[in-house]
Each structure stands twice: as structure tokens, then as C-alpha cells.
Protein backbone atom coordinates (compact mmCIF):
# COMPACT_ATOMS: atom_id res chain seq x y z
CA MET A 1 5.66 -25.66 -15.05
CA SER A 2 9.46 -25.80 -15.13
CA ALA A 3 11.53 -25.53 -11.98
CA ASN A 4 12.26 -21.84 -12.58
CA SER A 5 8.84 -20.91 -13.98
CA PRO A 6 7.26 -18.42 -11.54
CA ASP A 7 3.69 -17.63 -10.72
CA PHE A 8 2.46 -14.08 -10.13
CA ILE A 9 0.65 -11.83 -7.67
CA ASP A 10 -1.17 -8.90 -9.27
CA THR A 11 -0.69 -5.61 -7.37
CA THR A 12 -2.69 -3.30 -9.67
CA LEU A 13 -5.63 -2.65 -7.36
CA ARG A 14 -3.68 -2.17 -4.13
CA ASP A 15 0.00 -1.26 -4.40
CA GLY A 16 -0.17 0.08 -7.94
CA ASN A 17 -3.08 2.30 -6.97
CA GLN A 18 -1.27 3.36 -3.80
CA SER A 19 2.12 3.98 -5.37
CA LEU A 20 0.91 5.96 -8.39
CA TRP A 21 -2.50 7.35 -7.42
CA GLY A 22 -2.20 7.83 -3.66
CA ALA A 23 -4.57 4.89 -2.99
CA THR A 24 -7.49 7.16 -3.97
CA GLY A 25 -7.62 6.55 -7.73
CA LEU A 26 -9.85 3.48 -7.82
CA ARG A 27 -13.43 3.21 -6.63
CA THR A 28 -15.34 -0.02 -6.13
CA GLY A 29 -17.21 0.15 -9.43
CA MET A 30 -13.93 0.62 -11.30
CA MET A 31 -12.56 -2.57 -9.75
CA LEU A 32 -15.73 -4.58 -10.33
CA GLU A 33 -15.77 -3.63 -14.02
CA ILE A 34 -12.48 -5.46 -14.67
CA ALA A 35 -12.75 -8.19 -12.01
CA SER A 36 -13.79 -10.99 -14.36
CA ASP A 37 -10.72 -10.44 -16.57
CA LEU A 38 -8.46 -10.34 -13.51
CA ASP A 39 -9.97 -13.66 -12.49
CA ARG A 40 -9.18 -15.18 -15.91
CA VAL A 41 -5.48 -14.34 -16.02
CA GLY A 42 -4.28 -17.14 -13.74
CA TYR A 43 -2.72 -15.05 -11.00
CA ARG A 44 -1.87 -16.84 -7.79
CA ALA A 45 -3.63 -14.03 -5.90
CA ILE A 46 -4.67 -10.38 -6.11
CA ASP A 47 -2.91 -7.96 -3.74
CA PHE A 48 -6.20 -6.30 -2.87
CA THR A 49 -6.32 -4.15 0.26
CA THR A 50 -4.97 -3.06 3.64
CA SER A 51 -6.66 -1.44 6.62
CA THR A 52 -5.26 1.87 5.38
CA HIS A 53 -6.90 1.32 1.98
CA MET A 54 -10.14 0.47 3.74
CA ALA A 55 -9.96 3.82 5.54
CA VAL A 56 -9.32 5.61 2.24
CA THR A 57 -12.40 3.88 0.79
CA VAL A 58 -14.50 5.42 3.56
CA ARG A 59 -12.81 8.82 3.76
CA PHE A 60 -12.48 9.72 0.08
CA HIS A 61 -15.14 7.66 -1.69
CA LYS A 62 -17.81 7.21 1.03
CA GLU A 63 -17.89 3.52 0.15
CA ASN A 64 -18.15 0.56 2.51
CA PRO A 65 -14.84 -1.36 2.37
CA TRP A 66 -16.47 -4.55 3.64
CA GLU A 67 -18.99 -4.36 0.82
CA ARG A 68 -16.12 -3.85 -1.63
CA ILE A 69 -14.43 -7.07 -0.49
CA ARG A 70 -17.68 -9.07 -0.74
CA LEU A 71 -18.53 -7.77 -4.20
CA MET A 72 -15.05 -8.38 -5.56
CA LYS A 73 -14.91 -11.91 -4.17
CA ALA A 74 -18.24 -12.68 -5.82
CA ARG A 75 -16.83 -11.50 -9.17
CA MET A 76 -13.52 -13.36 -8.65
CA PRO A 77 -14.38 -16.84 -7.37
CA ARG A 78 -11.15 -18.47 -8.60
CA THR A 79 -8.45 -16.00 -7.54
CA PRO A 80 -7.75 -15.35 -3.83
CA LEU A 81 -7.91 -11.79 -2.56
CA SER A 82 -4.93 -10.78 -0.42
CA PHE A 83 -4.74 -8.42 2.57
CA LEU A 84 -1.50 -6.77 3.73
CA SER A 85 -1.27 -6.56 7.52
CA THR A 86 1.38 -4.31 9.06
CA GLY A 87 1.23 -5.79 12.53
CA MET A 88 -1.23 -5.52 15.39
CA ARG A 89 -2.93 -2.36 14.14
CA PHE A 90 -6.06 -1.60 12.20
CA ILE A 91 -6.27 1.74 10.34
CA SER A 92 -4.55 3.67 13.18
CA TRP A 93 -0.77 3.37 13.52
CA GLU A 94 -1.18 2.91 17.26
CA THR A 95 -1.05 -0.70 18.44
CA ALA A 96 -4.54 -2.13 18.87
CA HIS A 97 -5.75 -4.55 21.52
CA PRO A 98 -5.41 -8.21 20.45
CA GLU A 99 -9.18 -8.66 20.80
CA LEU A 100 -9.84 -5.89 18.29
CA MET A 101 -7.32 -7.41 15.89
CA ALA A 102 -8.87 -10.86 16.27
CA LEU A 103 -12.25 -9.41 15.35
CA SER A 104 -10.81 -7.59 12.34
CA TYR A 105 -9.18 -10.76 11.00
CA LYS A 106 -12.41 -12.77 11.46
CA LEU A 107 -14.36 -10.13 9.54
CA LEU A 108 -11.80 -10.06 6.73
CA VAL A 109 -11.94 -13.83 6.34
CA ARG A 110 -15.74 -13.85 6.58
CA ASN A 111 -16.04 -11.24 3.83
CA GLY A 112 -13.74 -13.00 1.37
CA ILE A 113 -10.05 -12.42 2.16
CA GLU A 114 -8.22 -15.75 1.82
CA ARG A 115 -4.56 -14.74 1.76
CA PHE A 116 -2.74 -12.47 4.23
CA MET A 117 0.69 -10.91 3.83
CA VAL A 118 2.17 -9.98 7.21
CA MET A 119 4.98 -7.50 7.72
CA ASP A 120 6.45 -5.57 10.62
CA PRO A 121 8.08 -2.25 9.67
CA MET A 122 10.87 -2.96 12.18
CA ASN A 123 11.45 -6.52 10.86
CA ASN A 124 10.51 -7.79 14.30
CA MET A 125 9.93 -11.45 13.49
CA GLN A 126 8.22 -12.13 16.82
CA ALA A 127 5.66 -9.46 15.94
CA VAL A 128 5.14 -11.09 12.53
CA THR A 129 4.76 -14.47 14.23
CA ASP A 130 2.19 -13.18 16.71
CA THR A 131 0.16 -11.56 13.94
CA ALA A 132 0.36 -14.68 11.75
CA ASN A 133 -0.91 -16.86 14.59
CA ALA A 134 -3.82 -14.50 15.22
CA ILE A 135 -4.71 -14.57 11.54
CA ALA A 136 -4.46 -18.36 11.42
CA ALA A 137 -6.92 -18.56 14.33
CA ALA A 138 -9.36 -16.52 12.22
CA GLY A 139 -9.31 -19.18 9.50
CA ALA A 140 -7.07 -17.69 6.80
CA ARG A 141 -6.19 -20.03 3.95
CA GLU A 142 -2.67 -18.73 3.28
CA ILE A 143 -0.32 -16.57 5.36
CA VAL A 144 2.82 -15.04 3.85
CA GLY A 145 5.44 -13.59 6.18
CA ALA A 146 7.49 -10.59 5.04
CA VAL A 147 11.19 -9.87 5.33
CA VAL A 148 11.45 -6.13 4.63
CA TYR A 149 14.53 -5.15 2.64
CA THR A 150 16.60 -2.04 3.17
CA VAL A 151 20.20 -0.90 2.88
CA SER A 152 22.25 0.08 5.92
CA PRO A 153 25.48 -0.96 7.66
CA ILE A 154 23.59 -3.54 9.76
CA HIS A 155 21.29 -5.03 7.10
CA ASP A 156 23.55 -7.65 5.53
CA ASP A 157 22.58 -11.00 3.98
CA ALA A 158 22.99 -12.79 7.30
CA HIS A 159 20.55 -10.37 8.95
CA PHE A 160 17.85 -11.08 6.38
CA ALA A 161 18.54 -14.81 6.28
CA ASP A 162 18.14 -15.00 10.05
CA ALA A 163 14.79 -13.24 9.76
CA ALA A 164 13.67 -15.68 7.05
CA ARG A 165 14.78 -18.64 9.15
CA LYS A 166 12.61 -17.47 12.04
CA LEU A 167 9.58 -17.17 9.78
CA ALA A 168 10.20 -20.59 8.24
CA ALA A 169 9.91 -22.11 11.70
CA VAL A 170 6.36 -20.77 12.18
CA PRO A 171 3.77 -23.40 11.16
CA ALA A 172 1.10 -20.78 10.41
CA ILE A 173 3.35 -19.11 7.81
CA THR A 174 3.29 -21.13 4.59
CA ARG A 175 5.28 -18.75 2.36
CA VAL A 176 7.74 -15.86 2.81
CA TYR A 177 8.28 -12.80 0.65
CA LEU A 178 11.07 -10.30 0.38
CA LYS A 179 9.40 -6.90 0.46
CA ASP A 180 11.56 -4.20 -1.10
CA PRO A 181 9.53 -0.99 -0.58
CA GLY A 182 12.30 1.29 -1.78
CA GLY A 183 13.18 -0.65 -4.93
CA LEU A 184 16.76 -0.86 -3.65
CA LEU A 185 17.54 -4.49 -4.49
CA THR A 186 20.15 -4.55 -7.25
CA PRO A 187 20.75 -7.64 -9.41
CA GLU A 188 24.21 -7.93 -7.85
CA ARG A 189 22.83 -8.01 -4.31
CA ALA A 190 20.04 -10.35 -5.38
CA ARG A 191 22.59 -12.93 -6.53
CA THR A 192 23.79 -13.39 -2.95
CA LEU A 193 20.70 -12.47 -0.93
CA LEU A 194 17.99 -14.48 -2.70
CA PRO A 195 19.87 -17.82 -2.53
CA ALA A 196 20.62 -17.11 1.15
CA LEU A 197 16.91 -16.57 1.82
CA ARG A 198 15.98 -19.65 -0.18
CA ALA A 199 18.37 -21.80 1.86
CA ALA A 200 17.06 -20.34 5.12
CA LEU A 201 13.47 -21.16 4.17
CA GLY A 202 14.03 -24.84 3.58
CA GLY A 203 11.05 -25.96 1.53
CA LYS A 204 8.85 -22.89 1.99
CA PRO A 205 8.34 -20.84 -1.21
CA LEU A 206 9.94 -17.42 -1.66
CA GLU A 207 8.20 -14.43 -3.26
CA LEU A 208 9.66 -11.09 -4.40
CA HIS A 209 7.89 -7.74 -4.15
CA SER A 210 9.90 -4.75 -5.35
CA HIS A 211 9.28 -1.25 -6.71
CA CYS A 212 10.58 0.49 -9.84
CA THR A 213 11.40 3.74 -8.02
CA ILE A 214 14.93 3.95 -9.47
CA GLY A 215 14.47 1.48 -12.29
CA LEU A 216 16.16 -1.56 -10.74
CA ALA A 217 13.25 -3.95 -10.19
CA PRO A 218 12.77 -5.10 -13.83
CA PHE A 219 16.44 -6.13 -13.99
CA THR A 220 16.24 -7.98 -10.68
CA TYR A 221 12.96 -9.71 -11.63
CA ALA A 222 14.57 -11.03 -14.82
CA GLU A 223 17.08 -12.99 -12.72
CA ALA A 224 14.92 -13.81 -9.70
CA PRO A 225 13.48 -17.18 -10.84
CA GLU A 226 16.95 -18.59 -11.42
CA LEU A 227 17.91 -17.42 -7.91
CA GLY A 228 15.13 -19.32 -6.16
CA VAL A 229 12.11 -16.99 -6.33
CA GLN A 230 8.86 -18.83 -7.06
CA THR A 231 6.47 -15.85 -7.16
CA LEU A 232 6.81 -12.32 -8.56
CA HIS A 233 4.59 -9.34 -7.71
CA THR A 234 3.67 -7.28 -10.79
CA ALA A 235 1.06 -4.75 -11.98
CA ALA A 236 -0.84 -4.05 -15.19
CA ARG A 237 1.24 -1.70 -17.32
CA PRO A 238 -0.73 1.56 -16.67
CA LEU A 239 -0.32 0.99 -12.91
CA GLY A 240 3.18 -0.45 -13.14
CA ASN A 241 6.58 1.26 -13.33
CA GLY A 242 7.02 4.66 -11.67
CA SER A 243 7.17 3.91 -7.96
CA SER A 244 4.96 0.84 -8.47
CA GLN A 245 5.90 -2.75 -9.34
CA PRO A 246 7.26 -3.89 -12.72
CA ALA A 247 4.68 -4.16 -15.50
CA ILE A 248 3.52 -7.74 -16.01
CA GLU A 249 3.86 -7.49 -19.81
CA ASN A 250 7.52 -6.50 -19.58
CA VAL A 251 8.37 -9.11 -16.94
CA VAL A 252 6.77 -11.90 -18.97
CA ALA A 253 8.56 -10.81 -22.15
CA ASN A 254 11.93 -10.76 -20.37
CA LEU A 255 11.40 -14.19 -18.83
CA GLN A 256 10.20 -15.74 -22.09
CA SER A 257 13.25 -14.37 -23.90
CA GLN A 258 15.31 -16.47 -21.47
CA GLY A 259 13.30 -19.60 -22.18
CA VAL A 260 11.22 -19.38 -18.98
CA SER A 261 7.63 -20.54 -19.51
CA VAL A 262 4.80 -18.40 -18.13
CA ASN A 263 1.30 -19.81 -17.78
CA LEU A 264 -0.91 -16.69 -17.92
CA ASP A 265 -3.77 -15.55 -20.14
CA MET A 266 -2.01 -12.72 -21.98
CA GLU A 267 -5.15 -11.74 -23.88
CA ALA A 268 -6.91 -11.05 -20.58
CA ILE A 269 -3.85 -9.07 -19.43
CA GLY A 270 -4.10 -7.00 -22.62
CA ARG A 271 -7.75 -6.20 -21.91
CA ILE A 272 -6.89 -5.24 -18.32
CA SER A 273 -4.14 -2.83 -19.37
CA SER A 274 -6.35 -1.30 -22.07
CA TYR A 275 -9.09 -0.76 -19.51
CA PHE A 276 -6.81 0.96 -17.00
CA ALA A 277 -5.23 3.09 -19.73
CA ALA A 278 -8.71 4.31 -20.70
CA LEU A 279 -9.61 4.82 -17.03
CA ALA A 280 -6.45 6.88 -16.42
CA ALA A 281 -7.23 9.10 -19.41
CA ALA A 282 -10.87 9.55 -18.35
CA GLU A 283 -10.02 10.38 -14.73
CA GLY A 284 -6.94 12.52 -15.36
CA LEU A 285 -4.62 10.07 -13.61
CA ALA A 286 -0.99 9.73 -14.67
CA PRO A 287 0.06 6.19 -15.66
CA GLY A 288 3.39 4.85 -14.49
CA VAL A 289 6.49 5.42 -16.60
CA PRO A 290 9.96 3.85 -16.38
CA GLN A 291 12.25 5.62 -13.94
CA GLU A 292 15.86 6.71 -14.30
CA TYR A 293 18.52 5.23 -12.05
CA ASP A 294 19.45 7.65 -9.26
CA MET A 295 22.31 6.64 -6.93
CA ARG A 296 21.42 9.43 -4.47
CA TYR A 297 18.32 7.45 -3.53
CA PHE A 298 20.44 4.97 -1.57
CA GLN A 299 21.47 7.81 0.76
CA HIS A 300 17.99 8.93 1.84
CA GLN A 301 15.66 6.09 0.65
CA LEU A 302 12.60 8.35 0.81
CA PRO A 303 9.53 7.11 -1.09
CA GLY A 304 8.99 8.93 -4.39
CA GLY A 305 5.64 10.39 -3.36
CA MET A 306 7.12 11.73 -0.15
CA ILE A 307 9.91 13.51 -2.03
CA GLY A 308 7.31 15.32 -4.13
CA THR A 309 5.38 16.38 -1.03
CA MET A 310 8.57 17.52 0.69
CA ARG A 311 9.64 19.56 -2.34
CA ARG A 312 6.22 21.26 -2.51
CA GLN A 313 6.24 22.11 1.19
CA LEU A 314 9.74 23.60 0.99
CA ARG A 315 8.72 25.58 -2.09
CA GLU A 316 5.75 27.06 -0.21
CA MET A 317 8.18 28.21 2.48
CA ARG A 318 10.63 29.48 -0.17
CA GLN A 319 13.17 26.92 1.02
CA GLU A 320 13.24 24.51 -1.94
CA HIS A 321 16.94 25.23 -2.46
CA ARG A 322 17.59 23.40 0.84
CA LEU A 323 16.31 20.04 -0.40
CA PRO A 324 19.89 18.65 -0.76
CA GLU A 325 20.48 19.56 2.91
CA VAL A 326 17.30 17.70 3.84
CA PHE A 327 18.43 14.58 1.95
CA GLU A 328 21.73 14.65 3.85
CA GLU A 329 19.91 15.23 7.15
CA VAL A 330 17.60 12.27 6.46
CA GLY A 331 20.61 9.96 6.46
CA ARG A 332 21.87 11.49 9.68
CA VAL A 333 18.51 11.24 11.47
CA ARG A 334 18.02 7.67 10.28
CA HIS A 335 21.39 6.72 11.78
CA GLU A 336 20.53 8.45 15.08
CA LEU A 337 17.16 6.67 15.28
CA GLY A 338 18.68 3.22 14.83
CA TYR A 339 18.31 2.69 11.06
CA PRO A 340 14.55 2.23 10.76
CA ILE A 341 13.43 0.85 7.40
CA MET A 342 12.20 3.71 5.24
CA VAL A 343 8.64 2.46 4.92
CA THR A 344 5.41 3.91 6.34
CA PRO A 345 5.32 5.20 9.05
CA PHE A 346 9.09 5.44 9.56
CA SER A 347 9.85 7.25 6.30
CA GLN A 348 7.47 9.98 7.50
CA VAL A 349 8.99 9.97 11.00
CA VAL A 350 12.53 10.39 9.68
CA GLY A 351 11.68 12.74 6.82
CA THR A 352 9.62 15.13 8.97
CA MET A 353 12.32 15.28 11.62
CA ALA A 354 14.98 15.97 8.98
CA VAL A 355 13.02 18.90 7.51
CA MET A 356 12.46 20.39 10.96
CA ASN A 357 16.14 20.00 11.83
CA VAL A 358 17.26 21.77 8.66
CA LEU A 359 14.83 24.68 9.07
CA ALA A 360 15.27 25.18 12.81
CA PRO A 361 18.23 27.05 14.35
CA GLU A 362 19.09 23.91 16.36
CA ARG A 363 18.64 20.21 15.59
CA TYR A 364 15.80 18.55 17.55
CA ALA A 365 14.69 21.97 18.82
CA ASN A 366 11.14 20.90 18.00
CA VAL A 367 10.11 17.24 17.93
CA PRO A 368 6.73 16.10 16.54
CA ASP A 369 4.61 13.57 18.40
CA GLU A 370 5.25 10.75 15.92
CA VAL A 371 9.01 11.02 16.48
CA ILE A 372 8.46 10.99 20.24
CA ARG A 373 6.22 7.92 19.96
CA TYR A 374 8.95 6.22 17.93
CA VAL A 375 11.64 7.02 20.51
CA ILE A 376 9.57 5.87 23.51
CA GLY A 377 8.91 2.54 21.80
CA ARG A 378 5.32 2.82 20.58
CA PHE A 379 6.33 1.41 17.18
CA GLY A 380 8.64 -1.32 18.47
CA THR A 381 12.38 -1.68 18.91
CA PRO A 382 14.68 -0.21 16.20
CA PRO A 383 17.06 -2.57 14.36
CA ALA A 384 20.08 -0.83 15.93
CA PRO A 385 20.55 1.19 19.14
CA MET A 386 19.52 4.83 18.91
CA ASP A 387 22.04 7.59 19.47
CA ALA A 388 22.06 7.94 23.26
CA ASN A 389 22.18 11.74 23.27
CA VAL A 390 19.24 12.07 20.85
CA ARG A 391 17.22 9.44 22.69
CA ASP A 392 17.80 11.01 26.11
CA ARG A 393 17.00 14.50 24.85
CA ILE A 394 13.66 13.39 23.42
CA GLU A 395 12.73 11.19 26.38
CA GLN A 396 13.20 14.16 28.72
CA LEU A 397 10.69 16.30 26.86
CA PRO A 398 7.48 17.04 28.84
CA ARG A 399 5.48 15.88 25.83
CA ALA A 400 7.27 12.53 25.92
CA ARG A 401 6.09 11.99 29.49
CA GLU A 402 2.51 12.89 28.46
CA LEU A 403 2.51 10.47 25.54
CA ALA A 404 4.05 7.70 27.64
CA LYS A 405 1.07 7.88 30.00
CA GLN A 406 -1.51 7.57 27.24
CA SER A 407 -3.06 4.15 26.80
CA SER A 408 -3.17 3.06 23.17
CA MET A 409 -4.88 -0.31 23.61
CA PRO A 410 -8.43 -0.09 24.99
CA GLU A 411 -10.03 -3.50 25.37
CA LEU A 412 -12.77 -4.61 23.02
CA ALA A 413 -15.45 -4.46 25.72
CA GLU A 414 -14.49 -0.89 26.55
CA LEU A 415 -14.72 0.09 22.89
CA ARG A 416 -18.11 -1.64 22.58
CA ARG A 417 -19.50 0.51 25.39
CA ARG A 418 -18.70 3.66 23.46
CA PHE A 419 -20.98 2.78 20.55
CA ASP A 420 -24.55 1.71 19.81
CA SER A 421 -24.90 -1.98 20.67
CA ARG A 422 -27.02 -2.48 17.55
CA LEU A 423 -24.11 -1.75 15.21
CA SER A 424 -22.86 -4.57 13.02
CA ASP A 425 -19.32 -5.72 13.77
CA GLU A 426 -18.23 -4.25 10.45
CA GLU A 427 -19.53 -0.76 11.22
CA PHE A 428 -18.35 -0.98 14.82
CA ILE A 429 -14.74 -1.61 13.86
CA LEU A 430 -14.79 1.34 11.44
CA ARG A 431 -16.25 3.63 14.12
CA ALA A 432 -13.71 2.39 16.67
CA THR A 433 -10.80 3.39 14.43
CA MET A 434 -12.05 6.35 12.31
CA PRO A 435 -13.62 9.79 12.83
CA ALA A 436 -17.38 9.49 13.32
CA GLU A 437 -18.25 12.04 10.63
CA GLN A 438 -16.43 10.01 7.97
CA VAL A 439 -18.30 6.82 8.82
CA ASP A 440 -21.56 8.78 9.01
CA ALA A 441 -20.99 10.06 5.48
CA MET A 442 -20.29 6.53 4.24
CA VAL A 443 -23.49 5.19 5.78
CA ALA A 444 -25.52 8.08 4.38
CA ALA A 445 -24.15 7.45 0.89
CA GLY A 446 -25.71 3.99 0.81
CA PRO A 447 -24.53 1.01 -1.29
CA CYS A 448 -21.52 1.65 -3.49
CA ARG A 449 -21.89 2.00 -7.22
CA GLN A 450 -21.12 -1.28 -8.98
CA HIS A 451 -20.50 -0.11 -12.55
CA TYR A 452 -18.03 2.17 -14.28
CA SER A 453 -17.36 3.22 -17.87
CA PRO A 454 -14.25 5.22 -18.86
CA VAL A 455 -16.27 6.58 -21.80
CA ALA A 456 -19.25 7.72 -19.74
CA SER A 457 -17.34 8.96 -16.67
CA PRO A 458 -16.30 12.40 -18.03
CA VAL A 459 -19.85 12.98 -19.28
CA GLU A 460 -21.30 12.06 -15.89
CA ARG A 461 -18.94 14.52 -14.17
CA LEU A 462 -19.95 17.25 -16.63
CA VAL A 463 -23.65 16.62 -16.03
CA GLY A 464 -23.07 16.68 -12.29
CA GLU A 465 -21.27 20.01 -12.48
CA LEU A 466 -23.96 21.50 -14.71
CA ALA A 467 -26.66 20.37 -12.28
CA ARG A 468 -24.97 22.52 -9.63
CA ARG A 469 -25.04 25.60 -11.90
CA PRO A 470 -28.55 27.12 -11.92
CA ASP A 471 -27.29 29.89 -14.21
CA VAL A 472 -26.62 27.38 -17.02
CA THR A 473 -29.78 26.63 -18.98
CA HIS A 474 -28.34 24.99 -22.09
CA ALA A 475 -25.21 22.94 -22.74
CA ARG A 476 -24.18 21.12 -25.90
CA VAL A 477 -21.17 18.83 -26.28
CA GLU A 478 -20.39 17.54 -29.74
CA ARG A 479 -17.59 15.36 -31.05
CA GLU A 480 -17.27 12.73 -33.73
CA GLY A 481 -19.89 10.04 -33.09
CA PHE A 482 -21.22 11.75 -29.94
CA LEU A 483 -23.72 14.52 -29.19
CA LEU A 484 -24.92 15.63 -25.74
CA ASP A 485 -27.62 18.29 -25.61
CA LEU A 486 -28.89 19.46 -22.19
CA ARG A 487 -31.61 22.04 -21.54
CA SER A 488 -33.10 23.32 -18.30
CA ASN A 489 -36.87 23.82 -18.50
CA ARG A 490 -37.22 25.31 -15.03
CA PRO A 491 -35.03 25.75 -11.90
CA GLY A 492 -33.81 22.39 -10.65
CA THR A 493 -34.95 20.47 -13.76
CA THR A 494 -32.69 19.36 -16.59
CA THR A 495 -33.64 17.46 -19.72
CA GLY A 496 -31.33 16.25 -22.39
CA ALA A 497 -30.52 13.91 -25.19
CA VAL A 498 -27.46 11.87 -26.00
CA THR A 499 -26.80 10.54 -29.49
């Protein structure tokens, strides 16, 4: 491998799924079906899950997320599975007790997670350090610290380099990655920032994780290896582009055209992309497409999915014409709240407050709980001081005093007393952080399905719908090379033939 020849992290199953399909698009069987090909490619690791994704697995699919990790690791013995940790929290955005976090990390390692990526949405490097040390104590094989990129008057190259230098000094952190959740890193900025990070890291490798939200990431990735980046985060083409990461096929082609060697199994990559293209068609999921460059994005930095939700909500209130006002207000609120990085949960905190300010007769007339929690410090210290008038106004609210009194970190022993002592640690930690009815439904559903076929899936859905229609006694589906004939002999009984 030449000096500027990168290796790759595949983000298809985690960030691609989250960015394009709301984290709900892929079930366990879908992942298992393509796992062996993912294991053949030669990726450094698979960006696999987060605690939020684990909650989605329970809530939407009634599948056990611990079982998912075990099954995938068994199918992928060569390629490490990676977990993204966003600080000392598990599923809930409230800070969890260190004992609960220690247990969660031990369970993740025990079930097959070998690599952890650690970020703090505030870029608090002490918080990243504390989390990394807790993960190291659980036996993780590789820990990657994140420097989260954004654009603001205070986030210059020196700011990011100082953050990288702090991470480089932590023995538990073996690599560092620049996480660009907004896809804001231009090639011009990369030419100064990436070498500055590389110098600050000394000998520790640098990774780059960016999004294609306004079409910049493919251009930046093409230059990144020459600027000191050893590892690039990419996705299979159907789950790349859009607001996801650059497509691996395009990144490889661009690098090879510059004489950069890439040591990946491209035939396996072709099979993976073909599989996900067929899956998207079968499930009615939209694949990612290249995005147009939009300079306005630098002003508000809202995630693409959040803009769509905001537009729909304003339309329902017949206020869609005020979206430009909301974008302008987002920039104003972000400044007043100390320039938080526009990543979950802060993009929601800022965006919600901006909408309420635009629609209300007076700014900050109504303040949601998440904004109050932010102001009273439940999410950490902002990068810059908050506007004193806004901070004081919110801190004086009666609701702020109520929330300040609430304890958000019950000890592990206290949590244990709330649940059946016979629970496994895996089920206990889900019940300690999720609604009981959701975990009950997961348990009742039993083991997750381990197989999936894009060809059979639409037929299975049709059969399932027909089974719920007692008024339908005969159904026939015919197309070239395929015939499905279903007949109901008596109520509740269906027979059929497939040819």
C-alpha cells in the first residue's frame, strides 16, 4: 500500500441507513443476507450501530439488537463491527450513570463490537476522553476519537487542531476521525485543516467521515489522502450520496484516476450494491442520489431530513411560505445558544426553537423542555458563551427550576431494584432505557428472522395482507416467469401454489 493509499470504513448499514432511510429501512435478516460479501471486501471496519439504532431495532422491528450484533459478528469473522458512542448516554439523551455505561460497553464488547467511535456533540474533549477510558476498561480493541466539524466564527483550524491534540494525548484513543455531519468541509478548507489535524495527531492515523448533503464530500475525498487522511468512510452506492456518505464505487474510481492504489474486492462491492438496489426497489425505499450545491446550507446547517420534516410541519399549519424566515432564525438562535454544532440533538434543539420563535408573537415566548435542558447545562457546555439575555430569560422560567431539580443519573443498583432480578443484563439495560411496552413486544416476537430475499419480500407482504382479509377468497398474481395462486377453503385457512 502506497503512502497515500487509504483504507475504508463501510457505513451502509448504520449511517447510510440512518441518513437515507431514517434508520428503519434495514432489518436483521436483510443485513445477514449480505454479510458474507461485506466481509470479503477488505474494509477496515463496518460502521454498524449506535444505541439509538439499537432502540430503533426494538421499537420498529421488534428485534433484539444484542442478537443482531451476535449474528452479524458470526457472519463477519474478519471485519470488525463498529459502534458510535455519543458520550455517556445509552439510548436516552439524558446523561447516564457511569455504572450503567460501563455495563453497556461490556455487553457491546461481549456480543461482538470490537471498534468504538467516540464523539461529543459539544466537542468537549474531556468528555470524549472519559468515554474512551470507560470503553477501554470494557476491553475494546480499537477506539477512535471524533473531532466534530462545523462552520462558525469560533471554529477555525486552530480550534480543531487543539481538539485533535488533546485526543492524541489519550493512550486509549488509537485513531482520530474528523466527523463532518453537515457535509460542510470544502476542498479549499480541507487543504488547510486536514494537514493541521495530521500534524496535531503526531503518529496517530486520521480518518474522514463526511456527508454528501450539498455535494461537497466526493470532491473533498478525492484530495483527502494527499492531505494526510489514512481512512475514508463510504457507503454502497444505493445507500450513498443524498445526505449519506460518498459512494464507494465513485470514490475508488476518482482515487484510481489519480494513480492511488485501492486494495478492495470490487466484485464483492458490485454484488453488495446490486443487492441493496434490489432491496430498495422491493421495499419502496429511495436510493441516494447526488445532491446539488446549495450555499444557503452554510447559514442554517440543518440536516436534510430535518428540513423535510420542518417543511411538512409548516405546510400543515399553512405556514410553509415562512420557511426562509425560519432558516434566518436558525442562524440567530444558534448564535444566541453559543454556536452548538448542528448535529443530533442540537440541530433539533435549535431548529425547534427557531420555528417557535417565527410563529409566536414574541421570540422565546414558549420554550420547549429540550431547549431548557440545553441552557441549564444538561448537554454540556456550549463552544461559545450564550447570549446573556436569552440565557437569563430561560433560566428564570418555572419549568427550568423544575427540570434543574430532576435527577438524570440513577445508580445501577437503584435501576436494578426496579426490574425483575432474573432479567439478563441485555434485557435489563433495554428496560432501563426504553418504554416497557416496546421491550415486551420485542420479547414476544421471539428470535429475529435471519433470511431475506428482495424477490420474495413483496410476495410475502401480499400474502400477509390477504391473510388479514377474510372477504378475499381467491387471489392470483401472474407475471413473466411467476404465478401465485391463492385460494381460501374455509375461514382462516389459505392454500396456494407458486410456480
